Amino acid sequence: MKDRIFVVGASHGGIDTLSKLVRQLPADFPAPVFVVQHIGASSPGTLPSILSRAGRLPAVHPKNGEIIQKARIYVAPPDHHMLVQRDHIRLSQGPRENHTRPALDPLFRSAPTRTVRRSSVSC
C-alpha cells in the first residue's frame, strides 16, 4: 500500500459507521485516511476526538499546508473543503457543493486516482 491514501465520506449520521471503520485499523496502518462528513458550518467539530477514542490512529483537523503522514486520520474541519495536493493538505472555503461545506466531491476530485481507495458511508 505504499503511497496510497484512503478517502471516506459520510453523511451527518455516519459517526457510528466511521467509528466502526477506524476501530478496525491497526496503529501502524500504512496510509493516511481522509474523512469528510457533511456537517454544518457551526458544528463544534468533535469528530477527530470521537475517532481518536474509537481506534488506534490519531484523528485531527489538519492545518492548511500540513504535510501528509501515514497512520493518521485527517478530518475536514467545519466550513472547509479538504483537498489533497501531492504531499500536503489544502483547506478551502470555496463554494458549497451539494449545499454543504465540507463536501465529499472536492476531496474525491483532488485525490490522485492511482493511489486512492474511495469509499462512501451511507447511514
PDB file of N, CA and C in Angstrom:
ATOM      1  N   MET A   1       0.817  -1.193   0.000  1.00  0.00           N
ATOM      2  CA  MET A   1       0.000   0.000   0.000  1.00  0.00           C
ATOM      3  C   MET A   1       0.865   1.263   0.000  1.00  0.00           C
ATOM      4  N   LYS A   2       2.082   1.130  -0.376  1.00  0.00           N
ATOM      5  CA  LYS A   2       2.980   2.288  -0.389  1.00  0.00           C
ATOM      6  C   LYS A   2       2.392   3.412  -1.229  1.00  0.00           C
ATOM      7  N   ASP A   3       2.446   4.628  -0.711  1.00  0.00           N
ATOM      8  CA  ASP A   3       1.963   5.822  -1.388  1.00  0.00           C
ATOM      9  C   ASP A   3       0.466   5.794  -1.676  1.00  0.00           C
ATOM     10  N   ARG A   4      -0.286   5.061  -0.902  1.00  0.00           N
ATOM     11  CA  ARG A   4      -1.743   5.038  -1.049  1.00  0.00           C
ATOM     12  C   ARG A   4      -2.375   5.953  -0.028  1.00  0.00           C
ATOM     13  N   ILE A   5      -3.572   6.435  -0.362  1.00  0.00           N
ATOM     14  CA  ILE A   5      -4.389   7.155   0.595  1.00  0.00           C
ATOM     15  C   ILE A   5      -5.780   6.556   0.553  1.00  0.00           C
ATOM     16  N   PHE A   6      -6.499   6.722   1.642  1.00  0.00           N
ATOM     17  CA  PHE A   6      -7.876   6.248   1.701  1.00  0.00           C
ATOM     18  C   PHE A   6      -8.767   7.455   1.950  1.00  0.00           C
ATOM     19  N   VAL A   7      -9.830   7.542   1.173  1.00  0.00           N
ATOM     20  CA  VAL A   7     -10.744   8.675   1.230  1.00  0.00           C
ATOM     21  C   VAL A   7     -12.132   8.139   1.570  1.00  0.00           C
ATOM     22  N   VAL A   8     -12.719   8.666   2.642  1.00  0.00           N
ATOM     23  CA  VAL A   8     -14.012   8.190   3.118  1.00  0.00           C
ATOM     24  C   VAL A   8     -14.943   9.381   3.284  1.00  0.00           C
ATOM     25  N   GLY A   9     -16.172   9.212   2.832  1.00  0.00           N
ATOM     26  CA  GLY A   9     -17.178  10.243   3.008  1.00  0.00           C
ATOM     27  C   GLY A   9     -18.363   9.694   3.767  1.00  0.00           C
ATOM     28  N   ALA A  10     -18.951  10.543   4.617  1.00  0.00           N
ATOM     29  CA  ALA A  10     -20.097  10.109   5.417  1.00  0.00           C
ATOM     30  C   ALA A  10     -21.121  11.231   5.507  1.00  0.00           C
ATOM     31  N   SER A  11     -22.372  10.827   5.618  1.00  0.00           N
ATOM     32  CA  SER A  11     -23.433  11.798   5.870  1.00  0.00           C
ATOM     33  C   SER A  11     -23.399  12.175   7.347  1.00  0.00           C
ATOM     34  N   HIS A  12     -24.258  13.081   7.724  1.00  0.00           N
ATOM     35  CA  HIS A  12     -24.292  13.565   9.113  1.00  0.00           C
ATOM     36  C   HIS A  12     -24.466  12.413  10.105  1.00  0.00           C
ATOM     37  N   GLY A  13     -25.220  11.402   9.739  1.00  0.00           N
ATOM     38  CA  GLY A  13     -25.485  10.287  10.647  1.00  0.00           C
ATOM     39  C   GLY A  13     -24.452   9.179  10.616  1.00  0.00           C
ATOM     40  N   GLY A  14     -23.286   9.417  10.028  1.00  0.00           N
ATOM     41  CA  GLY A  14     -22.299   8.364   9.828  1.00  0.00           C
ATOM     42  C   GLY A  14     -21.285   8.158  10.931  1.00  0.00           C
ATOM     43  N   ILE A  15     -21.453   8.799  12.081  1.00  0.00           N
ATOM     44  CA  ILE A  15     -20.435   8.713  13.139  1.00  0.00           C
ATOM     45  C   ILE A  15     -20.239   7.273  13.617  1.00  0.00           C
ATOM     46  N   ASP A  16     -21.310   6.544  13.844  1.00  0.00           N
ATOM     47  CA  ASP A  16     -21.165   5.163  14.323  1.00  0.00           C
ATOM     48  C   ASP A  16     -20.419   4.301  13.308  1.00  0.00           C
ATOM     49  N   THR A  17     -20.772   4.448  12.040  1.00  0.00           N
ATOM     50  CA  THR A  17     -20.119   3.657  10.998  1.00  0.00           C
ATOM     51  C   THR A  17     -18.650   4.047  10.859  1.00  0.00           C
ATOM     52  N   LEU A  18     -18.349   5.343  10.910  1.00  0.00           N
ATOM     53  CA  LEU A  18     -16.955   5.779  10.862  1.00  0.00           C
ATOM     54  C   LEU A  18     -16.178   5.234  12.059  1.00  0.00           C
ATOM     55  N   SER A  19     -16.788   5.240  13.232  1.00  0.00           N
ATOM     56  CA  SER A  19     -16.136   4.709  14.434  1.00  0.00           C
ATOM     57  C   SER A  19     -15.833   3.224  14.281  1.00  0.00           C
ATOM     58  N   LYS A  20     -16.767   2.462  13.733  1.00  0.00           N
ATOM     59  CA  LYS A  20     -16.541   1.036  13.495  1.00  0.00           C
ATOM     60  C   LYS A  20     -15.401   0.826  12.502  1.00  0.00           C
ATOM     61  N   LEU A  21     -15.348   1.656  11.478  1.00  0.00           N
ATOM     62  CA  LEU A  21     -14.289   1.553  10.475  1.00  0.00           C
ATOM     63  C   LEU A  21     -12.919   1.791  11.110  1.00  0.00           C
ATOM     64  N   VAL A  22     -12.750   2.903  11.826  1.00  0.00           N
ATOM     65  CA  VAL A  22     -11.426   3.220  12.382  1.00  0.00           C
ATOM     66  C   VAL A  22     -11.031   2.249  13.493  1.00  0.00           C
ATOM     67  N   ARG A  23     -11.989   1.650  14.150  1.00  0.00           N
ATOM     68  CA  ARG A  23     -11.694   0.650  15.186  1.00  0.00           C
ATOM     69  C   ARG A  23     -10.944  -0.546  14.586  1.00  0.00           C
ATOM     70  N   GLN A  24     -11.162  -0.805  13.310  1.00  0.00           N
ATOM     71  CA  GLN A  24     -10.531  -1.953  12.651  1.00  0.00           C
ATOM     72  C   GLN A  24      -9.137  -1.655  12.097  1.00  0.00           C
ATOM     73  N   LEU A  25      -8.711  -0.405  12.108  1.00  0.00           N
ATOM     74  CA  LEU A  25      -7.415  -0.047  11.532  1.00  0.00           C
ATOM     75  C   LEU A  25      -6.307  -0.222  12.570  1.00  0.00           C
ATOM     76  N   PRO A  26      -5.198  -0.882  12.180  1.00  0.00           N
ATOM     77  CA  PRO A  26      -4.088  -1.065  13.120  1.00  0.00           C
ATOM     78  C   PRO A  26      -3.320   0.233  13.349  1.00  0.00           C
ATOM     79  N   ALA A  27      -2.607   0.309  14.446  1.00  0.00           N
ATOM     80  CA  ALA A  27      -1.837   1.506  14.793  1.00  0.00           C
ATOM     81  C   ALA A  27      -0.752   1.810  13.771  1.00  0.00           C
ATOM     82  N   ASP A  28      -0.299   0.803  13.048  1.00  0.00           N
ATOM     83  CA  ASP A  28       0.742   1.007  12.033  1.00  0.00           C
ATOM     84  C   ASP A  28       0.157   1.006  10.612  1.00  0.00           C
ATOM     85  N   PHE A  29      -1.093   1.424  10.487  1.00  0.00           N
ATOM     86  CA  PHE A  29      -1.745   1.455   9.177  1.00  0.00           C
ATOM     87  C   PHE A  29      -0.840   2.202   8.191  1.00  0.00           C
ATOM     88  N   PRO A  30      -0.538   1.615   7.034  1.00  0.00           N
ATOM     89  CA  PRO A  30       0.497   2.169   6.159  1.00  0.00           C
ATOM     90  C   PRO A  30       0.045   3.295   5.233  1.00  0.00           C
ATOM     91  N   ALA A  31      -1.044   3.958   5.561  1.00  0.00           N
ATOM     92  CA  ALA A  31      -1.538   5.030   4.685  1.00  0.00           C
ATOM     93  C   ALA A  31      -2.318   6.048   5.513  1.00  0.00           C
ATOM     94  N   PRO A  32      -2.424   7.272   5.006  1.00  0.00           N
ATOM     95  CA  PRO A  32      -3.307   8.245   5.659  1.00  0.00           C
ATOM     96  C   PRO A  32      -4.753   7.989   5.256  1.00  0.00           C
ATOM     97  N   VAL A  33      -5.672   8.382   6.129  1.00  0.00           N
ATOM     98  CA  VAL A  33      -7.102   8.255   5.865  1.00  0.00           C
ATOM     99  C   VAL A  33      -7.693   9.663   5.913  1.00  0.00           C
ATOM    100  N   PHE A  34      -8.446  10.023   4.883  1.00  0.00           N
ATOM    101  CA  PHE A  34      -9.089  11.330   4.805  1.00  0.00           C
ATOM    102  C   PHE A  34     -10.581  11.135   4.951  1.00  0.00           C
ATOM    103  N   VAL A  35     -11.190  11.881   5.865  1.00  0.00           N
ATOM    104  CA  VAL A  35     -12.614  11.734   6.158  1.00  0.00           C
ATOM    105  C   VAL A  35     -13.304  13.079   5.982  1.00  0.00           C
ATOM    106  N   VAL A  36     -14.385  13.058   5.223  1.00  0.00           N
ATOM    107  CA  VAL A  36     -15.266  14.220   5.115  1.00  0.00           C
ATOM    108  C   VAL A  36     -16.645  13.767   5.546  1.00  0.00           C
ATOM    109  N   GLN A  37     -17.204  14.508   6.490  1.00  0.00           N
ATOM    110  CA  GLN A  37     -18.575  14.249   6.920  1.00  0.00           C
ATOM    111  C   GLN A  37     -19.372  15.513   6.676  1.00  0.00           C
ATOM    112  N   HIS A  38     -20.547  15.364   6.076  1.00  0.00           N
ATOM    113  CA  HIS A  38     -21.411  16.524   5.869  1.00  0.00           C
ATOM    114  C   HIS A  38     -21.874  17.038   7.223  1.00  0.00           C
ATOM    115  N   ILE A  39     -21.359  18.205   7.597  1.00  0.00           N
ATOM    116  CA  ILE A  39     -21.722  18.835   8.864  1.00  0.00           C
ATOM    117  C   ILE A  39     -21.973  20.311   8.621  1.00  0.00           C
ATOM    118  N   GLY A  40     -22.671  20.943   9.509  1.00  0.00           N
ATOM    119  CA  GLY A  40     -22.951  22.366   9.387  1.00  0.00           C
ATOM    120  C   GLY A  40     -21.731  23.216   9.709  1.00  0.00           C
ATOM    121  N   ALA A  41     -21.734  24.440   9.192  1.00  0.00           N
ATOM    122  CA  ALA A  41     -20.617  25.368   9.407  1.00  0.00           C
ATOM    123  C   ALA A  41     -20.417  25.684  10.886  1.00  0.00           C
ATOM    124  N   SER A  42     -21.473  25.628  11.670  1.00  0.00           N
ATOM    125  CA  SER A  42     -21.363  25.956  13.089  1.00  0.00           C
ATOM    126  C   SER A  42     -21.142  24.723  13.973  1.00  0.00           C
ATOM    127  N   SER A  43     -20.877  23.590  13.356  1.00  0.00           N
ATOM    128  CA  SER A  43     -20.624  22.368  14.117  1.00  0.00           C
ATOM    129  C   SER A  43     -19.430  22.564  15.048  1.00  0.00           C
ATOM    130  N   PRO A  44     -19.459  21.956  16.247  1.00  0.00           N
ATOM    131  CA  PRO A  44     -18.320  22.096  17.161  1.00  0.00           C
ATOM    132  C   PRO A  44     -17.069  21.348  16.690  1.00  0.00           C
ATOM    133  N   GLY A  45     -17.189  20.497  15.670  1.00  0.00           N
ATOM    134  CA  GLY A  45     -16.014  19.822  15.127  1.00  0.00           C
ATOM    135  C   GLY A  45     -15.405  18.784  16.053  1.00  0.00           C
ATOM    136  N   THR A  46     -16.229  17.933  16.625  1.00  0.00           N
ATOM    137  CA  THR A  46     -15.744  16.943  17.588  1.00  0.00           C
ATOM    138  C   THR A  46     -15.382  15.592  16.971  1.00  0.00           C
ATOM    139  N   LEU A  47     -15.569  15.436  15.669  1.00  0.00           N
ATOM    140  CA  LEU A  47     -15.315  14.138  15.042  1.00  0.00           C
ATOM    141  C   LEU A  47     -13.880  13.642  15.251  1.00  0.00           C
ATOM    142  N   PRO A  48     -12.839  14.471  15.162  1.00  0.00           N
ATOM    143  CA  PRO A  48     -11.495  13.929  15.410  1.00  0.00           C
ATOM    144  C   PRO A  48     -11.339  13.288  16.794  1.00  0.00           C
ATOM    145  N   SER A  49     -11.895  13.897  17.821  1.00  0.00           N
ATOM    146  CA  SER A  49     -11.760  13.296  19.156  1.00  0.00           C
ATOM    147  C   SER A  49     -12.566  12.006  19.258  1.00  0.00           C
ATOM    148  N   ILE A  50     -13.719  11.953  18.625  1.00  0.00           N
ATOM    149  CA  ILE A  50     -14.537  10.736  18.628  1.00  0.00           C
ATOM    150  C   ILE A  50     -13.782   9.596  17.946  1.00  0.00           C
ATOM    151  N   LEU A  51     -13.208   9.883  16.767  1.00  0.00           N
ATOM    152  CA  LEU A  51     -12.493   8.840  16.024  1.00  0.00           C
ATOM    153  C   LEU A  51     -11.189   8.439  16.710  1.00  0.00           C
ATOM    154  N   SER A  52     -10.507   9.380  17.336  1.00  0.00           N
ATOM    155  CA  SER A  52      -9.283   9.045  18.075  1.00  0.00           C
ATOM    156  C   SER A  52      -9.583   8.097  19.230  1.00  0.00           C
ATOM    157  N   ARG A  53     -10.703   8.316  19.909  1.00  0.00           N
ATOM    158  CA  ARG A  53     -11.098   7.425  21.008  1.00  0.00           C
ATOM    159  C   ARG A  53     -11.558   6.062  20.495  1.00  0.00           C
ATOM    160  N   ALA A  54     -12.117   6.029  19.283  1.00  0.00           N
ATOM    161  CA  ALA A  54     -12.680   4.793  18.746  1.00  0.00           C
ATOM    162  C   ALA A  54     -11.617   3.821  18.245  1.00  0.00           C
ATOM    163  N   GLY A  55     -10.466   4.327  17.832  1.00  0.00           N
ATOM    164  CA  GLY A  55      -9.441   3.454  17.250  1.00  0.00           C
ATOM    165  C   GLY A  55      -8.054   3.777  17.748  1.00  0.00           C
ATOM    166  N   ARG A  56      -7.065   3.214  17.060  1.00  0.00           N
ATOM    167  CA  ARG A  56      -5.670   3.368  17.465  1.00  0.00           C
ATOM    168  C   ARG A  56      -4.926   4.464  16.701  1.00  0.00           C
ATOM    169  N   LEU A  57      -5.556   5.027  15.666  1.00  0.00           N
ATOM    170  CA  LEU A  57      -4.911   6.088  14.888  1.00  0.00           C
ATOM    171  C   LEU A  57      -5.337   7.457  15.412  1.00  0.00           C
ATOM    172  N   PRO A  58      -4.414   8.406  15.442  1.00  0.00           N
ATOM    173  CA  PRO A  58      -4.821   9.760  15.816  1.00  0.00           C
ATOM    174  C   PRO A  58      -5.632  10.402  14.697  1.00  0.00           C
ATOM    175  N   ALA A  59      -6.691  11.082  15.075  1.00  0.00           N
ATOM    176  CA  ALA A  59      -7.525  11.809  14.113  1.00  0.00           C
ATOM    177  C   ALA A  59      -7.421  13.294  14.428  1.00  0.00           C
ATOM    178  N   VAL A  60      -7.271  14.101  13.386  1.00  0.00           N
ATOM    179  CA  VAL A  60      -7.066  15.540  13.569  1.00  0.00           C
ATOM    180  C   VAL A  60      -7.802  16.338  12.507  1.00  0.00           C
ATOM    181  N   HIS A  61      -8.074  17.593  12.827  1.00  0.00           N
ATOM    182  CA  HIS A  61      -8.428  18.576  11.814  1.00  0.00           C
ATOM    183  C   HIS A  61      -7.088  19.114  11.322  1.00  0.00           C
ATOM    184  N   PRO A  62      -6.751  18.907  10.050  1.00  0.00           N
ATOM    185  CA  PRO A  62      -5.446  19.374   9.595  1.00  0.00           C
ATOM    186  C   PRO A  62      -5.392  20.897   9.477  1.00  0.00           C
ATOM    187  N   LYS A  63      -4.189  21.400   9.465  1.00  0.00           N
ATOM    188  CA  LYS A  63      -3.965  22.820   9.191  1.00  0.00           C
ATOM    189  C   LYS A  63      -3.698  22.960   7.690  1.00  0.00           C
ATOM    190  N   ASN A  64      -4.028  24.100   7.131  1.00  0.00           N
ATOM    191  CA  ASN A  64      -3.759  24.349   5.721  1.00  0.00           C
ATOM    192  C   ASN A  64      -2.249  24.218   5.468  1.00  0.00           C
ATOM    193  N   GLY A  65      -1.885  23.413   4.488  1.00  0.00           N
ATOM    194  CA  GLY A  65      -0.486  23.216   4.144  1.00  0.00           C
ATOM    195  C   GLY A  65       0.200  22.101   4.917  1.00  0.00           C
ATOM    196  N   GLU A  66      -0.514  21.442   5.816  1.00  0.00           N
ATOM    197  CA  GLU A  66       0.080  20.371   6.617  1.00  0.00           C
ATOM    198  C   GLU A  66       0.590  19.247   5.717  1.00  0.00           C
ATOM    199  N   ILE A  67       1.763  18.726   6.051  1.00  0.00           N
ATOM    200  CA  ILE A  67       2.344  17.602   5.319  1.00  0.00           C
ATOM    201  C   ILE A  67       1.594  16.333   5.705  1.00  0.00           C
ATOM    202  N   ILE A  68       1.263  15.516   4.710  1.00  0.00           N
ATOM    203  CA  ILE A  68       0.502  14.283   4.923  1.00  0.00           C
ATOM    204  C   ILE A  68       1.404  13.214   5.538  1.00  0.00           C
ATOM    205  N   GLN A  69       0.888  12.535   6.556  1.00  0.00           N
ATOM    206  CA  GLN A  69       1.605  11.449   7.220  1.00  0.00           C
ATOM    207  C   GLN A  69       0.770  10.182   7.185  1.00  0.00           C
ATOM    208  N   LYS A  70       1.425   9.035   7.080  1.00  0.00           N
ATOM    209  CA  LYS A  70       0.689   7.766   7.138  1.00  0.00           C
ATOM    210  C   LYS A  70       0.232   7.523   8.572  1.00  0.00           C
ATOM    211  N   ALA A  71      -0.658   6.568   8.746  1.00  0.00           N
ATOM    212  CA  ALA A  71      -1.177   6.183  10.062  1.00  0.00           C
ATOM    213  C   ALA A  71      -1.809   7.361  10.801  1.00  0.00           C
ATOM    214  N   ARG A  72      -2.521   8.199  10.069  1.00  0.00           N
ATOM    215  CA  ARG A  72      -3.194   9.357  10.654  1.00  0.00           C
ATOM    216  C   ARG A  72      -4.529   9.526   9.938  1.00  0.00           C
ATOM    217  N   ILE A  73      -5.531   9.984  10.673  1.00  0.00           N
ATOM    218  CA  ILE A  73      -6.844  10.265  10.094  1.00  0.00           C
ATOM    219  C   ILE A  73      -7.007  11.773  10.042  1.00  0.00           C
ATOM    220  N   TYR A  74      -7.249  12.283   8.849  1.00  0.00           N
ATOM    221  CA  TYR A  74      -7.469  13.714   8.641  1.00  0.00           C
ATOM    222  C   TYR A  74      -8.957  13.941   8.421  1.00  0.00           C
ATOM    223  N   VAL A  75      -9.552  14.776   9.236  1.00  0.00           N
ATOM    224  CA  VAL A  75     -10.988  15.058   9.163  1.00  0.00           C
ATOM    225  C   VAL A  75     -11.173  16.500   8.699  1.00  0.00           C
ATOM    226  N   ALA A  76     -11.988  16.690   7.671  1.00  0.00           N
ATOM    227  CA  ALA A  76     -12.255  18.043   7.180  1.00  0.00           C
ATOM    228  C   ALA A  76     -12.899  18.869   8.294  1.00  0.00           C
ATOM    229  N   PRO A  77     -12.342  20.055   8.567  1.00  0.00           N
ATOM    230  CA  PRO A  77     -12.937  20.898   9.606  1.00  0.00           C
ATOM    231  C   PRO A  77     -14.254  21.517   9.143  1.00  0.00           C
ATOM    232  N   PRO A  78     -15.099  21.915  10.089  1.00  0.00           N
ATOM    233  CA  PRO A  78     -16.360  22.558   9.714  1.00  0.00           C
ATOM    234  C   PRO A  78     -16.115  23.753   8.797  1.00  0.00           C
ATOM    235  N   ASP A  79     -16.980  23.883   7.795  1.00  0.00           N
ATOM    236  CA  ASP A  79     -16.996  25.004   6.859  1.00  0.00           C
ATOM    237  C   ASP A  79     -15.756  25.094   5.971  1.00  0.00           C
ATOM    238  N   HIS A  80     -15.021  23.984   5.818  1.00  0.00           N
ATOM    239  CA  HIS A  80     -13.849  23.950   4.934  1.00  0.00           C
ATOM    240  C   HIS A  80     -13.848  22.678   4.096  1.00  0.00           C
ATOM    241  N   HIS A  81     -13.612  22.830   2.794  1.00  0.00           N
ATOM    242  CA  HIS A  81     -13.324  21.669   1.964  1.00  0.00           C
ATOM    243  C   HIS A  81     -11.892  21.253   2.264  1.00  0.00           C
ATOM    244  N   MET A  82     -11.615  19.958   2.202  1.00  0.00           N
ATOM    245  CA  MET A  82     -10.266  19.441   2.397  1.00  0.00           C
ATOM    246  C   MET A  82      -9.806  18.833   1.078  1.00  0.00           C
ATOM    247  N   LEU A  83      -8.642  19.248   0.607  1.00  0.00           N
ATOM    248  CA  LEU A  83      -8.106  18.797  -0.676  1.00  0.00           C
ATOM    249  C   LEU A  83      -6.730  18.187  -0.470  1.00  0.00           C
ATOM    250  N   VAL A  84      -6.412  17.175  -1.282  1.00  0.00           N
ATOM    251  CA  VAL A  84      -5.096  16.550  -1.264  1.00  0.00           C
ATOM    252  C   VAL A  84      -4.293  17.137  -2.410  1.00  0.00           C
ATOM    253  N   GLN A  85      -3.114  17.680  -2.093  1.00  0.00           N
ATOM    254  CA  GLN A  85      -2.238  18.227  -3.121  1.00  0.00           C
ATOM    255  C   GLN A  85      -0.843  17.669  -2.915  1.00  0.00           C
ATOM    256  N   ARG A  86      -0.505  16.667  -3.722  1.00  0.00           N
ATOM    257  CA  ARG A  86       0.780  15.968  -3.640  1.00  0.00           C
ATOM    258  C   ARG A  86       1.043  15.474  -2.221  1.00  0.00           C
ATOM    259  N   ASP A  87       1.913  16.122  -1.476  1.00  0.00           N
ATOM    260  CA  ASP A  87       2.291  15.638  -0.158  1.00  0.00           C
ATOM    261  C   ASP A  87       1.703  16.468   0.982  1.00  0.00           C
ATOM    262  N   HIS A  88       0.770  17.361   0.657  1.00  0.00           N
ATOM    263  CA  HIS A  88       0.200  18.203   1.709  1.00  0.00           C
ATOM    264  C   HIS A  88      -1.311  18.362   1.542  1.00  0.00           C
ATOM    265  N   ILE A  89      -1.916  18.988   2.545  1.00  0.00           N
ATOM    266  CA  ILE A  89      -3.367  19.177   2.584  1.00  0.00           C
ATOM    267  C   ILE A  89      -3.673  20.654   2.388  1.00  0.00           C
ATOM    268  N   ARG A  90      -4.682  20.914   1.589  1.00  0.00           N
ATOM    269  CA  ARG A  90      -5.133  22.292   1.408  1.00  0.00           C
ATOM    270  C   ARG A  90      -6.566  22.398   1.904  1.00  0.00           C
ATOM    271  N   LEU A  91      -6.830  23.412   2.700  1.00  0.00           N
ATOM    272  CA  LEU A  91      -8.185  23.694   3.165  1.00  0.00           C
ATOM    273  C   LEU A  91      -8.724  24.871   2.372  1.00  0.00           C
ATOM    274  N   SER A  92      -9.995  24.807   2.052  1.00  0.00           N
ATOM    275  CA  SER A  92     -10.597  25.835   1.212  1.00  0.00           C
ATOM    276  C   SER A  92     -11.997  26.164   1.700  1.00  0.00           C
ATOM    277  N   GLN A  93     -12.352  27.429   1.574  1.00  0.00           N
ATOM    278  CA  GLN A  93     -13.740  27.819   1.819  1.00  0.00           C
ATOM    279  C   GLN A  93     -14.395  28.148   0.480  1.00  0.00           C
ATOM    280  N   GLY A  94     -14.057  27.352  -0.526  1.00  0.00           N
ATOM    281  CA  GLY A  94     -14.646  27.504  -1.846  1.00  0.00           C
ATOM    282  C   GLY A  94     -16.147  27.300  -1.794  1.00  0.00           C
ATOM    283  N   PRO A  95     -16.797  27.420  -2.951  1.00  0.00           N
ATOM    284  CA  PRO A  95     -18.265  27.322  -3.000  1.00  0.00           C
ATOM    285  C   PRO A  95     -18.775  26.008  -2.408  1.00  0.00           C
ATOM    286  N   ARG A  96     -19.937  26.088  -1.794  1.00  0.00           N
ATOM    287  CA  ARG A  96     -20.591  24.880  -1.288  1.00  0.00           C
ATOM    288  C   ARG A  96     -20.902  23.962  -2.469  1.00  0.00           C
ATOM    289  N   GLU A  97     -20.809  22.679  -2.223  1.00  0.00           N
ATOM    290  CA  GLU A  97     -21.201  21.693  -3.232  1.00  0.00           C
ATOM    291  C   GLU A  97     -22.279  20.825  -2.619  1.00  0.00           C
ATOM    292  N   ASN A  98     -23.335  20.616  -3.369  1.00  0.00           N
ATOM    293  CA  ASN A  98     -24.495  19.890  -2.860  1.00  0.00           C
ATOM    294  C   ASN A  98     -24.977  20.514  -1.544  1.00  0.00           C
ATOM    295  N   HIS A  99     -24.927  21.835  -1.490  1.00  0.00           N
ATOM    296  CA  HIS A  99     -25.410  22.636  -0.363  1.00  0.00           C
ATOM    297  C   HIS A  99     -24.579  22.470   0.906  1.00  0.00           C
ATOM    298  N   THR A 100     -23.345  21.993   0.791  1.00  0.00           N
ATOM    299  CA  THR A 100     -22.572  21.758   2.002  1.00  0.00           C
ATOM    300  C   THR A 100     -21.091  22.097   1.826  1.00  0.00           C
ATOM    301  N   ARG A 101     -20.490  22.430   2.936  1.00  0.00           N
ATOM    302  CA  ARG A 101     -19.046  22.638   3.011  1.00  0.00           C
ATOM    303  C   ARG A 101     -18.660  22.283   4.451  1.00  0.00           C
ATOM    304  N   PRO A 102     -17.928  21.200   4.637  1.00  0.00           N
ATOM    305  CA  PRO A 102     -17.184  20.439   3.655  1.00  0.00           C
ATOM    306  C   PRO A 102     -18.090  19.503   2.847  1.00  0.00           C
ATOM    307  N   ALA A 103     -17.649  19.230   1.644  1.00  0.00           N
ATOM    308  CA  ALA A 103     -18.349  18.296   0.761  1.00  0.00           C
ATOM    309  C   ALA A 103     -17.385  17.196   0.342  1.00  0.00           C
ATOM    310  N   LEU A 104     -17.945  16.059   0.007  1.00  0.00           N
ATOM    311  CA  LEU A 104     -17.146  14.908  -0.402  1.00  0.00           C
ATOM    312  C   LEU A 104     -16.480  15.123  -1.758  1.00  0.00           C
ATOM    313  N   ASP A 105     -17.219  15.692  -2.702  1.00  0.00           N
ATOM    314  CA  ASP A 105     -16.731  15.776  -4.080  1.00  0.00           C
ATOM    315  C   ASP A 105     -15.392  16.491  -4.235  1.00  0.00           C
ATOM    316  N   PRO A 106     -15.155  17.638  -3.590  1.00  0.00           N
ATOM    317  CA  PRO A 106     -13.846  18.280  -3.760  1.00  0.00           C
ATOM    318  C   PRO A 106     -12.687  17.380  -3.301  1.00  0.00           C
ATOM    319  N   LEU A 107     -12.876  16.673  -2.186  1.00  0.00           N
ATOM    320  CA  LEU A 107     -11.827  15.770  -1.723  1.00  0.00           C
ATOM    321  C   LEU A 107     -11.633  14.626  -2.713  1.00  0.00           C
ATOM    322  N   PHE A 108     -12.724  14.007  -3.144  1.00  0.00           N
ATOM    323  CA  PHE A 108     -12.616  12.894  -4.086  1.00  0.00           C
ATOM    324  C   PHE A 108     -11.936  13.335  -5.379  1.00  0.00           C
ATOM    325  N   ARG A 109     -12.286  14.526  -5.875  1.00  0.00           N
ATOM    326  CA  ARG A 109     -11.660  15.019  -7.115  1.00  0.00           C
ATOM    327  C   ARG A 109     -10.175  15.286  -6.936  1.00  0.00           C
ATOM    328  N   SER A 110      -9.784  15.740  -5.756  1.00  0.00           N
ATOM    329  CA  SER A 110      -8.384  16.108  -5.547  1.00  0.00           C
ATOM    330  C   SER A 110      -7.487  14.899  -5.292  1.00  0.00           C
ATOM    331  N   ALA A 111      -8.071  13.778  -4.889  1.00  0.00           N
ATOM    332  CA  ALA A 111      -7.277  12.591  -4.565  1.00  0.00           C
ATOM    333  C   ALA A 111      -6.748  11.954  -5.846  1.00  0.00           C
ATOM    334  N   PRO A 112      -5.444  11.677  -5.904  1.00  0.00           N
ATOM    335  CA  PRO A 112      -4.882  11.061  -7.103  1.00  0.00           C
ATOM    336  C   PRO A 112      -5.486   9.673  -7.315  1.00  0.00           C
ATOM    337  N   THR A 113      -6.048   9.437  -8.475  1.00  0.00           N
ATOM    338  CA  THR A 113      -6.801   8.201  -8.725  1.00  0.00           C
ATOM    339  C   THR A 113      -5.939   6.955  -8.715  1.00  0.00           C
ATOM    340  N   ARG A 114      -4.650   7.065  -8.978  1.00  0.00           N
ATOM    341  CA  ARG A 114      -3.802   5.874  -8.973  1.00  0.00           C
ATOM    342  C   ARG A 114      -3.495   5.405  -7.552  1.00  0.00           C
ATOM    343  N   THR A 115      -3.637   6.266  -6.577  1.00  0.00           N
ATOM    344  CA  THR A 115      -3.182   5.929  -5.236  1.00  0.00           C
ATOM    345  C   THR A 115      -4.289   5.963  -4.190  1.00  0.00           C
ATOM    346  N   VAL A 116      -5.522   5.981  -4.606  1.00  0.00           N
ATOM    347  CA  VAL A 116      -6.594   6.186  -3.644  1.00  0.00           C
ATOM    348  C   VAL A 116      -7.576   5.020  -3.623  1.00  0.00           C
ATOM    349  N   ARG A 117      -8.103   4.764  -2.450  1.00  0.00           N
ATOM    350  CA  ARG A 117      -9.239   3.860  -2.279  1.00  0.00           C
ATOM    351  C   ARG A 117     -10.366   4.749  -1.791  1.00  0.00           C
ATOM    352  N   ARG A 118     -11.462   4.799  -2.530  1.00  0.00           N
ATOM    353  CA  ARG A 118     -12.564   5.693  -2.177  1.00  0.00           C
ATOM    354  C   ARG A 118     -13.704   4.904  -1.581  1.00  0.00           C
ATOM    355  N   SER A 119     -14.370   5.504  -0.631  1.00  0.00           N
ATOM    356  CA  SER A 119     -15.500   4.852  -0.009  1.00  0.00           C
ATOM    357  C   SER A 119     -16.485   5.897   0.486  1.00  0.00           C
ATOM    358  N   SER A 120     -17.739   5.590   0.353  1.00  0.00           N
ATOM    359  CA  SER A 120     -18.772   6.478   0.867  1.00  0.00           C
ATOM    360  C   SER A 120     -19.584   5.685   1.877  1.00  0.00           C
ATOM    361  N   VAL A 121     -19.856   6.260   3.018  1.00  0.00           N
ATOM    362  CA  VAL A 121     -20.589   5.589   4.083  1.00  0.00           C
ATOM    363  C   VAL A 121     -22.020   6.089   4.065  1.00  0.00           C
ATOM    364  N   SER A 122     -22.955   5.180   3.859  1.00  0.00           N
ATOM    365  CA  SER A 122     -24.369   5.550   3.878  1.00  0.00           C
ATOM    366  C   SER A 122     -24.973   5.129   5.198  1.00  0.00           C
ATOM    367  N   CYS A 123     -25.689   6.031   5.816  1.00  0.00           N
ATOM    368  CA  CYS A 123     -26.326   5.717   7.099  1.00  0.00           C
ATOM    369  C   CYS A 123     -27.752   6.201   7.098  1.00  0.00           C
TER     370      CYS A 123
END
